Each structure stands twice: as C-alpha cells, then as structure tokens.
PDB file of N, CA and C in Angstrom:
ATOM      1  N   MET A   1     105.861-179.053  26.492  1.00  0.00           N
ATOM      2  CA  MET A   1     104.922-178.046  26.936  1.00  0.00           C
ATOM      3  C   MET A   1     103.506-178.598  26.944  1.00  0.00           C
ATOM      4  N   LYS A   2     103.179-179.428  25.929  1.00  0.00           N
ATOM      5  CA  LYS A   2     101.832-179.976  25.847  1.00  0.00           C
ATOM      6  C   LYS A   2     101.545-180.936  26.997  1.00  0.00           C
ATOM      7  N   GLN A   3     102.595-181.512  27.581  1.00  0.00           N
ATOM      8  CA  GLN A   3     102.388-182.445  28.684  1.00  0.00           C
ATOM      9  C   GLN A   3     101.968-181.720  29.960  1.00  0.00           C
ATOM     10  N   TYR A   4     102.382-180.468  30.126  1.00  0.00           N
ATOM     11  CA  TYR A   4     102.066-179.717  31.338  1.00  0.00           C
ATOM     12  C   TYR A   4     100.670-179.116  31.306  1.00  0.00           C
ATOM     13  N   LEU A   5     100.097-178.942  30.140  1.00  0.00           N
ATOM     14  CA  LEU A   5      98.771-178.341  30.017  1.00  0.00           C
ATOM     15  C   LEU A   5      97.699-179.175  30.717  1.00  0.00           C
ATOM     16  N   PRO A   6      97.633-180.503  30.516  1.00  0.00           N
ATOM     17  CA  PRO A   6      96.621-181.287  31.234  1.00  0.00           C
ATOM     18  C   PRO A   6      96.855-181.277  32.749  1.00  0.00           C
ATOM     19  N   LEU A   7      98.114-181.243  33.189  1.00  0.00           N
ATOM     20  CA  LEU A   7      98.396-181.192  34.627  1.00  0.00           C
ATOM     21  C   LEU A   7      97.938-179.866  35.223  1.00  0.00           C
ATOM     22  N   ALA A   8      98.122-178.787  34.513  1.00  0.00           N
ATOM     23  CA  ALA A   8      97.676-177.473  34.987  1.00  0.00           C
ATOM     24  C   ALA A   8      96.156-177.427  35.075  1.00  0.00           C
ATOM     25  N   ALA A   9      95.471-178.043  34.105  1.00  0.00           N
ATOM     26  CA  ALA A   9      94.005-178.063  34.124  1.00  0.00           C
ATOM     27  C   ALA A   9      93.501-178.867  35.320  1.00  0.00           C
ATOM     28  N   ILE A  10      94.146-179.975  35.620  1.00  0.00           N
ATOM     29  CA  ILE A  10      93.747-180.808  36.769  1.00  0.00           C
ATOM     30  C   ILE A  10      93.985-180.041  38.074  1.00  0.00           C
ATOM     31  N   ALA A  11      95.087-179.335  38.165  1.00  0.00           N
ATOM     32  CA  ALA A  11      95.384-178.554  39.369  1.00  0.00           C
ATOM     33  C   ALA A  11      94.358-177.444  39.558  1.00  0.00           C
ATOM     34  N   ALA A  12      93.963-176.771  38.465  1.00  0.00           N
ATOM     35  CA  ALA A  12      92.964-175.704  38.551  1.00  0.00           C
ATOM     36  C   ALA A  12      91.618-176.266  38.982  1.00  0.00           C
ATOM     37  N   LEU A  13      91.260-177.419  38.442  1.00  0.00           N
ATOM     38  CA  LEU A  13      90.009-178.057  38.840  1.00  0.00           C
ATOM     39  C   LEU A  13      90.025-178.434  40.312  1.00  0.00           C
ATOM     40  N   GLY A  14      91.148-178.888  40.799  1.00  0.00           N
ATOM     41  CA  GLY A  14      91.282-179.239  42.220  1.00  0.00           C
ATOM     42  C   GLY A  14      91.105-178.027  43.117  1.00  0.00           C
ATOM     43  N   LEU A  15      91.674-176.909  42.705  1.00  0.00           N
ATOM     44  CA  LEU A  15      91.527-175.683  43.496  1.00  0.00           C
ATOM     45  C   LEU A  15      90.094-175.187  43.501  1.00  0.00           C
ATOM     46  N   LEU A  16      89.416-175.256  42.368  1.00  0.00           N
ATOM     47  CA  LEU A  16      88.023-174.810  42.298  1.00  0.00           C
ATOM     48  C   LEU A  16      87.090-175.706  43.088  1.00  0.00           C
ATOM     49  N   SER A  17      87.413-176.972  43.168  1.00  0.00           N
ATOM     50  CA  SER A  17      86.546-177.890  43.910  1.00  0.00           C
ATOM     51  C   SER A  17      86.615-177.631  45.418  1.00  0.00           C
ATOM     52  N   ALA A  18      87.630-176.904  45.883  1.00  0.00           N
ATOM     53  CA  ALA A  18      87.756-176.593  47.304  1.00  0.00           C
ATOM     54  C   ALA A  18      86.864-175.433  47.718  1.00  0.00           C
ATOM     55  N   CYS A  19      86.264-174.750  46.774  1.00  0.00           N
ATOM     56  CA  CYS A  19      85.377-173.620  47.107  1.00  0.00           C
ATOM     57  C   CYS A  19      84.147-174.123  47.829  1.00  0.00           C
ATOM     58  N   ASN A  20      83.599-173.288  48.682  1.00  0.00           N
ATOM     59  CA  ASN A  20      82.411-173.644  49.447  1.00  0.00           C
ATOM     60  C   ASN A  20      81.177-173.359  48.616  1.00  0.00           C
ATOM     61  N   ASN A  21      80.460-174.386  48.247  1.00  0.00           N
ATOM     62  CA  ASN A  21      79.231-174.234  47.476  1.00  0.00           C
ATOM     63  C   ASN A  21      78.006-174.419  48.362  1.00  0.00           C
ATOM     64  N   ASN A  22      78.161-174.271  49.657  1.00  0.00           N
ATOM     65  CA  ASN A  22      77.080-174.488  50.597  1.00  0.00           C
ATOM     66  C   ASN A  22      76.089-173.332  50.528  1.00  0.00           C
ATOM     67  N   ASP A  23      74.794-173.640  50.466  1.00  0.00           N
ATOM     68  CA  ASP A  23      73.763-172.604  50.394  1.00  0.00           C
ATOM     69  C   ASP A  23      73.264-172.185  51.773  1.00  0.00           C
ATOM     70  N   GLN A  24      73.861-172.694  52.830  1.00  0.00           N
ATOM     71  CA  GLN A  24      73.446-172.328  54.188  1.00  0.00           C
ATOM     72  C   GLN A  24      73.868-170.889  54.484  1.00  0.00           C
ATOM     73  N   PRO A  25      72.996-170.101  55.134  1.00  0.00           N
ATOM     74  CA  PRO A  25      73.380-168.725  55.469  1.00  0.00           C
ATOM     75  C   PRO A  25      74.434-168.730  56.589  1.00  0.00           C
ATOM     76  N   GLU A  26      75.316-167.774  56.537  1.00  0.00           N
ATOM     77  CA  GLU A  26      76.371-167.657  57.536  1.00  0.00           C
ATOM     78  C   GLU A  26      75.913-166.676  58.617  1.00  0.00           C
ATOM     79  N   VAL A  27      75.956-167.107  59.878  1.00  0.00           N
ATOM     80  CA  VAL A  27      75.560-166.261  61.002  1.00  0.00           C
ATOM     81  C   VAL A  27      76.767-165.431  61.418  1.00  0.00           C
ATOM     82  N   VAL A  28      76.647-164.122  61.320  1.00  0.00           N
ATOM     83  CA  VAL A  28      77.775-163.253  61.608  1.00  0.00           C
ATOM     84  C   VAL A  28      77.714-162.715  63.026  1.00  0.00           C
ATOM     85  N   GLY A  29      76.573-162.262  63.460  1.00  0.00           N
ATOM     86  CA  GLY A  29      76.436-161.629  64.772  1.00  0.00           C
ATOM     87  C   GLY A  29      76.414-162.609  65.925  1.00  0.00           C
ATOM     88  N   GLY A  30      75.931-163.787  65.741  1.00  0.00           N
ATOM     89  CA  GLY A  30      75.829-164.769  66.812  1.00  0.00           C
ATOM     90  C   GLY A  30      74.669-164.455  67.738  1.00  0.00           C
ATOM     91  N   PRO A  31      74.432-165.296  68.730  1.00  0.00           N
ATOM     92  CA  PRO A  31      73.325-165.061  69.658  1.00  0.00           C
ATOM     93  C   PRO A  31      73.619-163.848  70.556  1.00  0.00           C
ATOM     94  N   ALA A  32      72.564-163.234  71.026  1.00  0.00           N
ATOM     95  CA  ALA A  32      72.709-162.072  71.914  1.00  0.00           C
ATOM     96  C   ALA A  32      73.287-162.509  73.252  1.00  0.00           C
ATOM     97  N   ASP A  33      74.151-161.669  73.837  1.00  0.00           N
ATOM     98  CA  ASP A  33      74.773-161.956  75.128  1.00  0.00           C
ATOM     99  C   ASP A  33      73.762-161.658  76.234  1.00  0.00           C
ATOM    100  N   PRO A  34      73.380-162.664  77.055  1.00  0.00           N
ATOM    101  CA  PRO A  34      72.382-162.424  78.101  1.00  0.00           C
ATOM    102  C   PRO A  34      72.890-161.508  79.219  1.00  0.00           C
ATOM    103  N   MET A  35      74.213-161.349  79.354  1.00  0.00           N
ATOM    104  CA  MET A  35      74.758-160.502  80.420  1.00  0.00           C
ATOM    105  C   MET A  35      75.300-159.177  79.890  1.00  0.00           C
ATOM    106  N   ALA A  36      74.985-158.837  78.648  1.00  0.00           N
ATOM    107  CA  ALA A  36      75.542-157.630  78.032  1.00  0.00           C
ATOM    108  C   ALA A  36      75.198-156.376  78.837  1.00  0.00           C
ATOM    109  N   GLU A  37      73.969-156.259  79.288  1.00  0.00           N
ATOM    110  CA  GLU A  37      73.556-155.056  80.036  1.00  0.00           C
ATOM    111  C   GLU A  37      74.236-154.992  81.398  1.00  0.00           C
ATOM    112  N   GLN A  38      74.361-156.133  82.083  1.00  0.00           N
ATOM    113  CA  GLN A  38      75.038-156.157  83.377  1.00  0.00           C
ATOM    114  C   GLN A  38      76.511-155.797  83.234  1.00  0.00           C
ATOM    115  N   LEU A  39      77.152-156.321  82.212  1.00  0.00           N
ATOM    116  CA  LEU A  39      78.562-156.013  81.994  1.00  0.00           C
ATOM    117  C   LEU A  39      78.764-154.557  81.617  1.00  0.00           C
ATOM    118  N   LYS A  40      77.817-154.004  80.878  1.00  0.00           N
ATOM    119  CA  LYS A  40      77.907-152.602  80.476  1.00  0.00           C
ATOM    120  C   LYS A  40      77.839-151.676  81.689  1.00  0.00           C
ATOM    121  N   ASN A  41      77.032-152.051  82.681  1.00  0.00           N
ATOM    122  CA  ASN A  41      76.842-151.220  83.878  1.00  0.00           C
ATOM    123  C   ASN A  41      77.753-151.601  85.037  1.00  0.00           C
ATOM    124  N   ALA A  42      78.600-152.596  84.865  1.00  0.00           N
ATOM    125  CA  ALA A  42      79.472-153.057  85.954  1.00  0.00           C
ATOM    126  C   ALA A  42      80.576-152.036  86.230  1.00  0.00           C
ATOM    127  N   ALA A  43      81.019-152.023  87.471  1.00  0.00           N
ATOM    128  CA  ALA A  43      82.123-151.135  87.862  1.00  0.00           C
ATOM    129  C   ALA A  43      83.403-151.597  87.180  1.00  0.00           C
ATOM    130  N   PRO A  44      84.308-150.678  86.906  1.00  0.00           N
ATOM    131  CA  PRO A  44      85.571-151.086  86.280  1.00  0.00           C
ATOM    132  C   PRO A  44      86.362-152.023  87.192  1.00  0.00           C
ATOM    133  N   VAL A  45      87.073-152.938  86.581  1.00  0.00           N
ATOM    134  CA  VAL A  45      87.854-153.915  87.319  1.00  0.00           C
ATOM    135  C   VAL A  45      89.242-153.338  87.582  1.00  0.00           C
ATOM    136  N   GLU A  46      89.689-153.457  88.839  1.00  0.00           N
ATOM    137  CA  GLU A  46      91.029-153.006  89.192  1.00  0.00           C
ATOM    138  C   GLU A  46      91.914-154.229  89.385  1.00  0.00           C
ATOM    139  N   LEU A  47      92.960-154.308  88.594  1.00  0.00           N
ATOM    140  CA  LEU A  47      93.872-155.439  88.699  1.00  0.00           C
ATOM    141  C   LEU A  47      94.708-155.329  89.966  1.00  0.00           C
ATOM    142  N   PRO A  48      95.116-156.453  90.543  1.00  0.00           N
ATOM    143  CA  PRO A  48      95.984-156.383  91.712  1.00  0.00           C
ATOM    144  C   PRO A  48      97.342-155.821  91.309  1.00  0.00           C
ATOM    145  N   PRO A  49      98.018-155.174  92.246  1.00  0.00           N
ATOM    146  CA  PRO A  49      99.317-154.594  91.894  1.00  0.00           C
ATOM    147  C   PRO A  49     100.355-155.675  91.616  1.00  0.00           C
ATOM    148  N   SER A  50     101.301-155.339  90.770  1.00  0.00           N
ATOM    149  CA  SER A  50     102.395-156.252  90.463  1.00  0.00           C
ATOM    150  C   SER A  50     103.615-155.861  91.295  1.00  0.00           C
ATOM    151  N   VAL A  51     104.604-156.737  91.320  1.00  0.00           N
ATOM    152  CA  VAL A  51     105.820-156.458  92.079  1.00  0.00           C
ATOM    153  C   VAL A  51     106.623-155.389  91.339  1.00  0.00           C
ATOM    154  N   LYS A  52     106.876-154.288  92.019  1.00  0.00           N
ATOM    155  CA  LYS A  52     107.656-153.188  91.445  1.00  0.00           C
ATOM    156  C   LYS A  52     109.147-153.454  91.632  1.00  0.00           C
ATOM    157  N   VAL A  53     109.515-153.838  92.846  1.00  0.00           N
ATOM    158  CA  VAL A  53     110.913-154.141  93.139  1.00  0.00           C
ATOM    159  C   VAL A  53     110.963-155.103  94.328  1.00  0.00           C
ATOM    160  N   SER A  54     111.888-156.053  94.278  1.00  0.00           N
ATOM    161  CA  SER A  54     112.129-156.986  95.386  1.00  0.00           C
ATOM    162  C   SER A  54     113.504-156.670  95.960  1.00  0.00           C
ATOM    163  N   ARG A  55     113.549-156.546  97.279  1.00  0.00           N
ATOM    164  CA  ARG A  55     114.830-156.231  97.919  1.00  0.00           C
ATOM    165  C   ARG A  55     115.061-157.152  99.101  1.00  0.00           C
ATOM    166  N   GLN A  56     116.335-157.426  99.338  1.00  0.00           N
ATOM    167  CA  GLN A  56     116.768-158.199 100.497  1.00  0.00           C
ATOM    168  C   GLN A  56     117.574-157.260 101.375  1.00  0.00           C
ATOM    169  N   TYR A  57     117.175-157.139 102.638  1.00  0.00           N
ATOM    170  CA  TYR A  57     117.826-156.225 103.569  1.00  0.00           C
ATOM    171  C   TYR A  57     118.548-157.006 104.662  1.00  0.00           C
ATOM    172  N   ARG A  58     119.643-156.448 105.150  1.00  0.00           N
ATOM    173  CA  ARG A  58     120.343-156.954 106.330  1.00  0.00           C
ATOM    174  C   ARG A  58     120.058-155.943 107.430  1.00  0.00           C
ATOM    175  N   CYS A  59     119.476-156.408 108.528  1.00  0.00           N
ATOM    176  CA  CYS A  59     119.081-155.513 109.621  1.00  0.00           C
ATOM    177  C   CYS A  59     120.203-155.377 110.650  1.00  0.00           C
ATOM    178  N   LYS A  60     120.012-154.427 111.555  1.00  0.00           N
ATOM    179  CA  LYS A  60     121.024-154.102 112.559  1.00  0.00           C
ATOM    180  C   LYS A  60     121.368-155.305 113.441  1.00  0.00           C
ATOM    181  N   ASP A  61     120.364-156.170 113.738  1.00  0.00           N
ATOM    182  CA  ASP A  61     120.614-157.351 114.573  1.00  0.00           C
ATOM    183  C   ASP A  61     121.148-158.535 113.753  1.00  0.00           C
ATOM    184  N   ASN A  62     121.556-158.277 112.499  1.00  0.00           N
ATOM    185  CA  ASN A  62     122.129-159.256 111.583  1.00  0.00           C
ATOM    186  C   ASN A  62     121.090-160.219 110.995  1.00  0.00           C
ATOM    187  N   SER A  63     119.814-159.944 111.168  1.00  0.00           N
ATOM    188  CA  SER A  63     118.777-160.771 110.555  1.00  0.00           C
ATOM    189  C   SER A  63     118.514-160.286 109.128  1.00  0.00           C
ATOM    190  N   LEU A  64     117.879-161.138 108.339  1.00  0.00           N
ATOM    191  CA  LEU A  64     117.534-160.788 106.958  1.00  0.00           C
ATOM    192  C   LEU A  64     116.060-160.445 106.861  1.00  0.00           C
ATOM    193  N   LEU A  65     115.746-159.589 105.915  1.00  0.00           N
ATOM    194  CA  LEU A  65     114.370-159.166 105.662  1.00  0.00           C
ATOM    195  C   LEU A  65     114.188-159.134 104.146  1.00  0.00           C
ATOM    196  N   PHE A  66     113.158-159.807 103.650  1.00  0.00           N
ATOM    197  CA  PHE A  66     112.867-159.871 102.227  1.00  0.00           C
ATOM    198  C   PHE A  66     111.574-159.106 101.984  1.00  0.00           C
ATOM    199  N   VAL A  67     111.630-158.069 101.148  1.00  0.00           N
ATOM    200  CA  VAL A  67     110.462-157.213 100.919  1.00  0.00           C
ATOM    201  C   VAL A  67     110.203-157.088  99.425  1.00  0.00           C
ATOM    202  N   ASP A  68     108.945-157.318  99.035  1.00  0.00           N
ATOM    203  CA  ASP A  68     108.480-157.068  97.669  1.00  0.00           C
ATOM    204  C   ASP A  68     107.606-155.819  97.723  1.00  0.00           C
ATOM    205  N   PHE A  69     108.070-154.740  97.125  1.00  0.00           N
ATOM    206  CA  PHE A  69     107.283-153.516  97.061  1.00  0.00           C
ATOM    207  C   PHE A  69     106.426-153.582  95.801  1.00  0.00           C
ATOM    208  N   MET A  70     105.135-153.307  95.942  1.00  0.00           N
ATOM    209  CA  MET A  70     104.199-153.453  94.844  1.00  0.00           C
ATOM    210  C   MET A  70     104.033-152.141  94.072  1.00  0.00           C
ATOM    211  N   SER A  71     103.493-152.249  92.863  1.00  0.00           N
ATOM    212  CA  SER A  71     103.394-151.117  91.947  1.00  0.00           C
ATOM    213  C   SER A  71     102.410-150.043  92.389  1.00  0.00           C
ATOM    214  N   ASP A  72     101.505-150.348  93.304  1.00  0.00           N
ATOM    215  CA  ASP A  72     100.562-149.320  93.766  1.00  0.00           C
ATOM    216  C   ASP A  72     101.168-148.400  94.824  1.00  0.00           C
ATOM    217  N   ASP A  73     102.403-148.684  95.252  1.00  0.00           N
ATOM    218  CA  ASP A  73     103.132-147.903  96.268  1.00  0.00           C
ATOM    219  C   ASP A  73     102.414-147.854  97.621  1.00  0.00           C
ATOM    220  N   LYS A  74     101.419-148.722  97.815  1.00  0.00           N
ATOM    221  CA  LYS A  74     100.707-148.787  99.089  1.00  0.00           C
ATOM    222  C   LYS A  74     100.697-150.194  99.673  1.00  0.00           C
ATOM    223  N   THR A  75     101.402-151.132  99.028  1.00  0.00           N
ATOM    224  CA  THR A  75     101.419-152.524  99.477  1.00  0.00           C
ATOM    225  C   THR A  75     102.846-153.046  99.449  1.00  0.00           C
ATOM    226  N   ALA A  76     103.190-153.812 100.490  1.00  0.00           N
ATOM    227  CA  ALA A  76     104.488-154.484 100.548  1.00  0.00           C
ATOM    228  C   ALA A  76     104.258-155.886 101.102  1.00  0.00           C
ATOM    229  N   ILE A  77     104.968-156.850 100.552  1.00  0.00           N
ATOM    230  CA  ILE A  77     104.911-158.230 101.033  1.00  0.00           C
ATOM    231  C   ILE A  77     106.251-158.505 101.711  1.00  0.00           C
ATOM    232  N   VAL A  78     106.198-158.907 102.996  1.00  0.00           N
ATOM    233  CA  VAL A  78     107.405-159.069 103.801  1.00  0.00           C
ATOM    234  C   VAL A  78     107.547-160.524 104.230  1.00  0.00           C
ATOM    235  N   ARG A  79     108.795-161.031 104.169  1.00  0.00           N
ATOM    236  CA  ARG A  79     109.141-162.358 104.676  1.00  0.00           C
ATOM    237  C   ARG A  79     110.425-162.216 105.487  1.00  0.00           C
ATOM    238  N   THR A  80     110.526-162.981 106.556  1.00  0.00           N
ATOM    239  CA  THR A  80     111.732-162.937 107.386  1.00  0.00           C
ATOM    240  C   THR A  80     112.739-164.007 106.972  1.00  0.00           C
ATOM    241  N   THR A  81     112.315-164.975 106.136  1.00  0.00           N
ATOM    242  CA  THR A  81     113.216-165.934 105.523  1.00  0.00           C
ATOM    243  C   THR A  81     112.869-165.990 104.038  1.00  0.00           C
ATOM    244  N   LYS A  82     113.813-166.406 103.219  1.00  0.00           N
ATOM    245  CA  LYS A  82     113.610-166.383 101.774  1.00  0.00           C
ATOM    246  C   LYS A  82     112.370-167.164 101.340  1.00  0.00           C
ATOM    247  N   GLU A  83     112.143-168.318 101.927  1.00  0.00           N
ATOM    248  CA  GLU A  83     110.992-169.148 101.584  1.00  0.00           C
ATOM    249  C   GLU A  83     109.902-169.083 102.656  1.00  0.00           C
ATOM    250  N   GLY A  84     109.983-168.104 103.556  1.00  0.00           N
ATOM    251  CA  GLY A  84     109.034-167.994 104.657  1.00  0.00           C
ATOM    252  C   GLY A  84     107.653-167.552 104.214  1.00  0.00           C
ATOM    253  N   SER A  85     106.723-167.594 105.156  1.00  0.00           N
ATOM    254  CA  SER A  85     105.353-167.192 104.838  1.00  0.00           C
ATOM    255  C   SER A  85     105.294-165.668 104.694  1.00  0.00           C
ATOM    256  N   PRO A  86     104.607-165.188 103.657  1.00  0.00           N
ATOM    257  CA  PRO A  86     104.544-163.746 103.406  1.00  0.00           C
ATOM    258  C   PRO A  86     103.526-163.057 104.306  1.00  0.00           C
ATOM    259  N   THR A  87     103.825-161.822 104.651  1.00  0.00           N
ATOM    260  CA  THR A  87     102.909-160.974 105.401  1.00  0.00           C
ATOM    261  C   THR A  87     102.645-159.737 104.563  1.00  0.00           C
ATOM    262  N   LYS A  88     101.377-159.447 104.320  1.00  0.00           N
ATOM    263  CA  LYS A  88     100.999-158.294 103.505  1.00  0.00           C
ATOM    264  C   LYS A  88     100.869-157.070 104.404  1.00  0.00           C
ATOM    265  N   LEU A  89     101.632-156.037 104.081  1.00  0.00           N
ATOM    266  CA  LEU A  89     101.574-154.773 104.798  1.00  0.00           C
ATOM    267  C   LEU A  89     101.000-153.720 103.852  1.00  0.00           C
ATOM    268  N   THR A  90     100.170-152.841 104.373  1.00  0.00           N
ATOM    269  CA  THR A  90      99.578-151.794 103.542  1.00  0.00           C
ATOM    270  C   THR A  90      99.793-150.428 104.174  1.00  0.00           C
ATOM    271  N   ALA A  91      99.790-149.417 103.329  1.00  0.00           N
ATOM    272  CA  ALA A  91      99.908-148.031 103.764  1.00  0.00           C
ATOM    273  C   ALA A  91      98.657-147.293 103.308  1.00  0.00           C
ATOM    274  N   PRO A  92      98.138-146.357 104.128  1.00  0.00           N
ATOM    275  CA  PRO A  92      96.941-145.623 103.720  1.00  0.00           C
ATOM    276  C   PRO A  92      97.190-144.729 102.504  1.00  0.00           C
ATOM    277  N   GLU A  93      98.391-144.201 102.377  1.00  0.00           N
ATOM    278  CA  GLU A  93      98.773-143.336 101.255  1.00  0.00           C
ATOM    279  C   GLU A  93     100.184-143.723 100.815  1.00  0.00           C
ATOM    280  N   ALA A  94     100.503-143.475  99.575  1.00  0.00           N
ATOM    281  CA  ALA A  94     101.856-143.731  99.086  1.00  0.00           C
ATOM    282  C   ALA A  94     102.847-142.870  99.859  1.00  0.00           C
ATOM    283  N   GLY A  95     103.962-143.466 100.273  1.00  0.00           N
ATOM    284  CA  GLY A  95     104.986-142.746 101.021  1.00  0.00           C
ATOM    285  C   GLY A  95     104.862-142.883 102.525  1.00  0.00           C
ATOM    286  N   GLN A  96     103.734-143.377 103.025  1.00  0.00           N
ATOM    287  CA  GLN A  96     103.558-143.586 104.462  1.00  0.00           C
ATOM    288  C   GLN A  96     104.014-144.999 104.832  1.00  0.00           C
ATOM    289  N   PRO A  97     104.259-145.254 106.127  1.00  0.00           N
ATOM    290  CA  PRO A  97     104.732-146.586 106.543  1.00  0.00           C
ATOM    291  C   PRO A  97     103.727-147.698 106.216  1.00  0.00           C
ATOM    292  N   PHE A  98     104.264-148.850 105.851  1.00  0.00           N
ATOM    293  CA  PHE A  98     103.456-150.046 105.601  1.00  0.00           C
ATOM    294  C   PHE A  98     103.213-150.727 106.938  1.00  0.00           C
ATOM    295  N   LYS A  99     101.954-151.090 107.227  1.00  0.00           N
ATOM    296  CA  LYS A  99     101.622-151.711 108.516  1.00  0.00           C
ATOM    297  C   LYS A  99     100.702-152.905 108.321  1.00  0.00           C
ATOM    298  N   ALA A 100     100.750-153.812 109.314  1.00  0.00           N
ATOM    299  CA  ALA A 100      99.843-154.955 109.365  1.00  0.00           C
ATOM    300  C   ALA A 100      99.587-155.288 110.825  1.00  0.00           C
ATOM    301  N   ASP A 101      98.507-156.029 111.069  1.00  0.00           N
ATOM    302  CA  ASP A 101      98.185-156.453 112.430  1.00  0.00           C
ATOM    303  C   ASP A 101      99.330-157.291 112.989  1.00  0.00           C
ATOM    304  N   GLY A 102      99.508-157.238 114.285  1.00  0.00           N
ATOM    305  CA  GLY A 102     100.552-158.014 114.939  1.00  0.00           C
ATOM    306  C   GLY A 102     101.829-157.224 115.147  1.00  0.00           C
ATOM    307  N   GLY A 103     101.778-155.919 114.937  1.00  0.00           N
ATOM    308  CA  GLY A 103     102.945-155.090 115.187  1.00  0.00           C
ATOM    309  C   GLY A 103     103.947-155.022 114.047  1.00  0.00           C
ATOM    310  N   TYR A 104     103.532-155.415 112.856  1.00  0.00           N
ATOM    311  CA  TYR A 104     104.432-155.337 111.709  1.00  0.00           C
ATOM    312  C   TYR A 104     104.407-153.930 111.131  1.00  0.00           C
ATOM    313  N   GLU A 105     105.592-153.363 110.892  1.00  0.00           N
ATOM    314  CA  GLU A 105     105.681-152.043 110.290  1.00  0.00           C
ATOM    315  C   GLU A 105     107.012-151.902 109.547  1.00  0.00           C
ATOM    316  N   VAL A 106     106.945-151.376 108.329  1.00  0.00           N
ATOM    317  CA  VAL A 106     108.135-151.081 107.529  1.00  0.00           C
ATOM    318  C   VAL A 106     107.997-149.649 107.027  1.00  0.00           C
ATOM    319  N   SER A 107     108.995-148.832 107.325  1.00  0.00           N
ATOM    320  CA  SER A 107     109.021-147.445 106.859  1.00  0.00           C
ATOM    321  C   SER A 107     110.099-147.306 105.800  1.00  0.00           C
ATOM    322  N   GLY A 108     109.761-146.712 104.678  1.00  0.00           N
ATOM    323  CA  GLY A 108     110.703-146.514 103.590  1.00  0.00           C
ATOM    324  C   GLY A 108     110.541-147.586 102.536  1.00  0.00           C
ATOM    325  N   SER A 109     111.175-147.352 101.386  1.00  0.00           N
ATOM    326  CA  SER A 109     111.109-148.344 100.312  1.00  0.00           C
ATOM    327  C   SER A 109     112.376-148.336  99.468  1.00  0.00           C
ATOM    328  N   GLY A 110     113.370-147.598  99.884  1.00  0.00           N
ATOM    329  CA  GLY A 110     114.607-147.509  99.113  1.00  0.00           C
ATOM    330  C   GLY A 110     115.627-148.527  99.570  1.00  0.00           C
ATOM    331  N   THR A 111     116.885-148.112  99.569  1.00  0.00           N
ATOM    332  CA  THR A 111     117.950-149.033  99.950  1.00  0.00           C
ATOM    333  C   THR A 111     118.090-149.155 101.461  1.00  0.00           C
ATOM    334  N   GLU A 112     117.397-148.304 102.211  1.00  0.00           N
ATOM    335  CA  GLU A 112     117.403-148.395 103.667  1.00  0.00           C
ATOM    336  C   GLU A 112     115.983-148.229 104.189  1.00  0.00           C
ATOM    337  N   VAL A 113     115.562-149.141 105.070  1.00  0.00           N
ATOM    338  CA  VAL A 113     114.235-149.090 105.671  1.00  0.00           C
ATOM    339  C   VAL A 113     114.359-149.260 107.180  1.00  0.00           C
ATOM    340  N   THR A 114     113.289-148.922 107.873  1.00  0.00           N
ATOM    341  CA  THR A 114     113.177-149.184 109.307  1.00  0.00           C
ATOM    342  C   THR A 114     112.065-150.203 109.476  1.00  0.00           C
ATOM    343  N   ALA A 115     112.349-151.288 110.196  1.00  0.00           N
ATOM    344  CA  ALA A 115     111.385-152.378 110.344  1.00  0.00           C
ATOM    345  C   ALA A 115     111.167-152.710 111.812  1.00  0.00           C
ATOM    346  N   ALA A 116     109.900-152.987 112.152  1.00  0.00           N
ATOM    347  CA  ALA A 116     109.531-153.443 113.496  1.00  0.00           C
ATOM    348  C   ALA A 116     108.592-154.635 113.325  1.00  0.00           C
ATOM    349  N   PHE A 117     108.856-155.714 114.087  1.00  0.00           N
ATOM    350  CA  PHE A 117     108.047-156.917 113.967  1.00  0.00           C
ATOM    351  C   PHE A 117     107.680-157.483 115.321  1.00  0.00           C
ATOM    352  N   ALA A 118     106.401-157.772 115.487  1.00  0.00           N
ATOM    353  CA  ALA A 118     105.849-158.538 116.610  1.00  0.00           C
ATOM    354  C   ALA A 118     106.518-158.241 117.948  1.00  0.00           C
ATOM    355  N   GLY A 119     106.427-157.021 118.386  1.00  0.00           N
ATOM    356  CA  GLY A 119     106.924-156.666 119.707  1.00  0.00           C
ATOM    357  C   GLY A 119     108.399-156.333 119.774  1.00  0.00           C
ATOM    358  N   LYS A 120     109.153-156.544 118.725  1.00  0.00           N
ATOM    359  CA  LYS A 120     110.560-156.199 118.713  1.00  0.00           C
ATOM    360  C   LYS A 120     110.698-154.706 118.425  1.00  0.00           C
ATOM    361  N   ALA A 121     111.784-154.125 118.929  1.00  0.00           N
ATOM    362  CA  ALA A 121     112.028-152.705 118.712  1.00  0.00           C
ATOM    363  C   ALA A 121     112.345-152.465 117.225  1.00  0.00           C
ATOM    364  N   ALA A 122     112.017-151.281 116.756  1.00  0.00           N
ATOM    365  CA  ALA A 122     112.301-150.915 115.363  1.00  0.00           C
ATOM    366  C   ALA A 122     113.820-150.863 115.160  1.00  0.00           C
ATOM    367  N   GLN A 123     114.254-151.318 114.012  1.00  0.00           N
ATOM    368  CA  GLN A 123     115.682-151.324 113.692  1.00  0.00           C
ATOM    369  C   GLN A 123     115.874-150.943 112.233  1.00  0.00           C
ATOM    370  N   SER A 124     117.040-150.417 111.937  1.00  0.00           N
ATOM    371  CA  SER A 124     117.314-150.051 110.551  1.00  0.00           C
ATOM    372  C   SER A 124     117.845-151.262 109.798  1.00  0.00           C
ATOM    373  N   CYS A 125     117.477-151.319 108.516  1.00  0.00           N
ATOM    374  CA  CYS A 125     117.899-152.414 107.645  1.00  0.00           C
ATOM    375  C   CYS A 125     118.359-151.783 106.321  1.00  0.00           C
ATOM    376  N   HIS A 126     119.417-152.321 105.740  1.00  0.00           N
ATOM    377  CA  HIS A 126     119.922-151.778 104.495  1.00  0.00           C
ATOM    378  C   HIS A 126     120.207-152.892 103.496  1.00  0.00           C
ATOM    379  N   VAL A 127     120.242-152.503 102.212  1.00  0.00           N
ATOM    380  CA  VAL A 127     120.491-153.469 101.133  1.00  0.00           C
ATOM    381  C   VAL A 127     121.918-153.940 101.193  1.00  0.00           C
TER     382      VAL A 127
END
C-alpha cells in the first residue's frame, strides 16, 4: 500500500499541472459582426424544392418519360431518356399543368399523366 501512495501523489501533481494558469483575459463575445444589421433586415431565404417523387412513365407511342416532381408541387423536371438533359417545367399554381417554353407540357402528377413535347400531339403516359 505504501508503494502506491507516491505514485498517486505524482499522478495528482500531473493532473494539477495541466490547469491553465494563464492570466490573459478570455474574449467571450468576439468582434462585432460588420454585416449584422444587413442580415437582420434581409428577406427570408427560400430553399429550392427537393424531389418529392420520381416516376418513369411509358407513353402511348411506347416512348419513355422520366419525371421528378418537386416538393413545392409547382415544379417538375422532365427527361425523355434516363440520362438525358433535364427540362424544368413550372405550374402557376399547385394542381395546374406544368409548362415550359418549346411546347413542353405535363398534366397530372400521379400514376397517369398527359404529356406534350415540341410540336407532338398530347398523349397519355402511365407508370
């Protein structure tokens, strides 16, 4: 037991020596933010919508249509091939047809939609 007493004293001294004995003041608040007033008065930030559901449709002419419906219910991203270039379609109100320049239009968002693209007649497409 007497052999452990000096080891315990050395360990306690080691722990005490780790304490901060620095006399420097600690800065808690930090420097003032130069843009604090601008940020306080800034308009709220609206995040872009996320993908709500992605669906692959088979159309009446046997073509495929890939649609990502977004969480704002007013945006859809359409591709005619799986890795094709996306086309963003928007609707003025939720539940109305999604449209884009060039004659792109998609009506509906469930398991069956009606799609018209670049001068082609509208056709029904289903999951």
